[in-house]
Protein backbone atom coordinates (compact mmCIF):
# COMPACT_ATOMS: atom_id res chain seq x y z
CA MET A 1 133.56 155.46 -52.15
CA SER A 2 135.81 157.17 -49.58
CA GLU A 3 136.52 160.54 -48.70
CA GLU A 4 139.87 160.31 -50.27
CA GLU A 5 138.14 158.88 -53.94
CA LEU A 6 135.62 161.67 -53.63
CA ASP A 7 138.24 164.37 -53.17
CA SER A 8 140.36 163.43 -55.99
CA LEU A 9 137.75 162.56 -58.43
CA ARG A 10 136.55 166.40 -57.34
CA LYS A 11 139.90 167.98 -57.86
CA ARG A 12 140.15 165.85 -61.60
CA ARG A 13 137.17 167.08 -62.42
CA MET A 14 138.02 170.72 -61.47
CA LEU A 15 141.42 170.13 -63.50
CA GLU A 16 139.15 169.41 -66.47
CA LEU A 17 136.75 172.32 -66.30
CA GLN A 18 139.89 175.01 -65.92
CA GLN A 19 141.55 173.48 -69.14
CA ARG A 20 138.27 173.70 -70.77
CA MET A 21 137.90 177.32 -69.91
CA ALA A 22 141.41 178.26 -70.73
CA GLU A 23 140.75 176.57 -74.09
CA GLU A 24 137.73 178.19 -74.70
CA GLN A 25 139.32 181.38 -73.83
CA LYS A 26 142.31 181.04 -76.23
CA GLN A 27 139.59 180.33 -78.89
CA VAL A 28 137.89 183.29 -78.39
CA GLN A 29 141.13 185.67 -78.33
CA ALA A 30 142.22 184.02 -81.69
CA GLN A 31 138.29 184.59 -83.17
CA GLN A 32 138.79 188.60 -82.25
CA GLN A 33 142.23 188.81 -83.28
CA LEU A 34 141.40 187.28 -86.70
CA GLU A 35 138.50 189.73 -86.67
CA SER A 36 140.10 193.13 -86.12
CA GLN A 37 142.93 191.82 -88.60
CA LYS A 38 140.05 191.67 -91.23
CA GLN A 39 138.27 195.00 -89.88
CA ALA A 40 142.23 196.57 -90.05
CA LEU A 41 142.41 195.23 -94.01
CA LEU A 42 138.70 196.19 -94.69
CA ARG A 43 139.56 199.91 -93.10
CA ARG A 44 142.52 199.81 -96.06
CA ILE A 45 140.27 198.64 -99.09
CA LEU A 46 137.41 200.60 -98.55
CA THR A 47 136.95 204.45 -98.15
CA PRO A 48 134.79 205.64 -94.71
CA GLU A 49 131.58 206.18 -97.14
CA ALA A 50 131.77 202.09 -98.40
CA ARG A 51 132.67 200.80 -95.16
CA SER A 52 129.18 202.75 -93.53
CA ARG A 53 127.25 200.70 -96.14
CA LEU A 54 129.05 197.66 -95.87
CA THR A 55 127.87 197.72 -91.43
CA ASN A 56 124.50 198.75 -92.76
CA LEU A 57 124.30 195.90 -94.91
CA ASN A 58 125.82 193.55 -92.13
CA MET A 59 122.78 194.71 -89.73
CA VAL A 60 120.06 193.04 -92.36
CA LYS A 61 122.28 190.34 -94.05
CA PRO A 62 125.38 189.30 -91.65
CA GLU A 63 125.94 186.06 -93.69
CA PHE A 64 125.95 188.24 -97.23
CA THR A 65 128.32 190.37 -95.98
CA GLU A 66 130.61 187.89 -94.29
CA GLN A 67 131.11 186.64 -97.48
CA LEU A 68 131.64 189.49 -99.24
CA GLU A 69 134.09 190.68 -97.36
CA LEU A 70 136.28 188.04 -97.17
CA GLN A 71 136.02 188.23 -101.38
CA LEU A 72 137.15 191.73 -100.89
CA ILE A 73 139.93 191.06 -99.17
CA GLN A 74 141.20 188.17 -101.09
CA LEU A 75 140.97 190.30 -104.49
CA ALA A 76 142.70 193.27 -102.98
CA GLN A 77 145.71 190.83 -101.75
CA GLN A 78 145.62 189.51 -105.33
CA GLY A 79 145.58 193.02 -106.89
CA ARG A 80 142.54 192.30 -108.83
CA ILE A 81 140.36 195.28 -107.70
CA ASN A 82 141.44 199.11 -107.75
CA LEU A 83 142.43 200.10 -104.01
CA PRO A 84 140.39 202.07 -102.26
CA ILE A 85 137.29 200.77 -103.07
CA THR A 86 134.23 203.98 -102.87
CA ASP A 87 130.97 203.59 -101.99
CA GLU A 88 129.71 204.08 -105.45
CA GLN A 89 132.10 200.84 -106.98
CA LEU A 90 130.77 198.58 -103.60
CA LYS A 91 127.48 199.83 -105.16
CA GLU A 92 128.62 198.92 -108.04
CA LEU A 93 129.20 195.56 -107.24
CA LEU A 94 126.33 194.52 -105.09
CA VAL A 95 123.94 195.62 -107.87
CA ARG A 96 126.23 193.14 -109.90
CA LEU A 97 126.06 190.25 -107.36
CA GLN A 98 122.42 190.73 -106.60
CA SER A 99 121.57 190.52 -110.57
CA GLY A 100 122.22 187.15 -110.38
CA ARG A 101 119.74 186.00 -108.24
CA ARG A 102 116.09 185.83 -108.74
CA ASP A 103 113.21 187.22 -106.31
CA TYR A 104 110.42 185.13 -106.11
CA LYS A 105 107.39 186.61 -105.34
CA ILE A 106 103.83 184.76 -104.28
CA ARG A 107 100.53 186.30 -105.14
CA ARG A 108 97.08 185.06 -103.46
CA VAL A 109 94.51 185.06 -106.42
């Protein structure tokens, strides 16, 4: 390959990398914006104590907490729950959600 061909390949490759980086930055910014909107909605939906409980739960069960947050937002937007949700109401909701699950214990004999 000639020097000119190598230079053109390098430039093309560099442009591709720059475009890919720009797209990734846009995706990260979009995710951050969605997360900040979600947190703002949760601030309006939950009392500070309930938000604290949800934050603690997020450390233990992040997937469960993510689903719960989305469900709370949907219920609030549909007007199906009384706002703001107190810590006691959140506890009751968590108990109801956990009661549907079964705990399996394995004992060795």
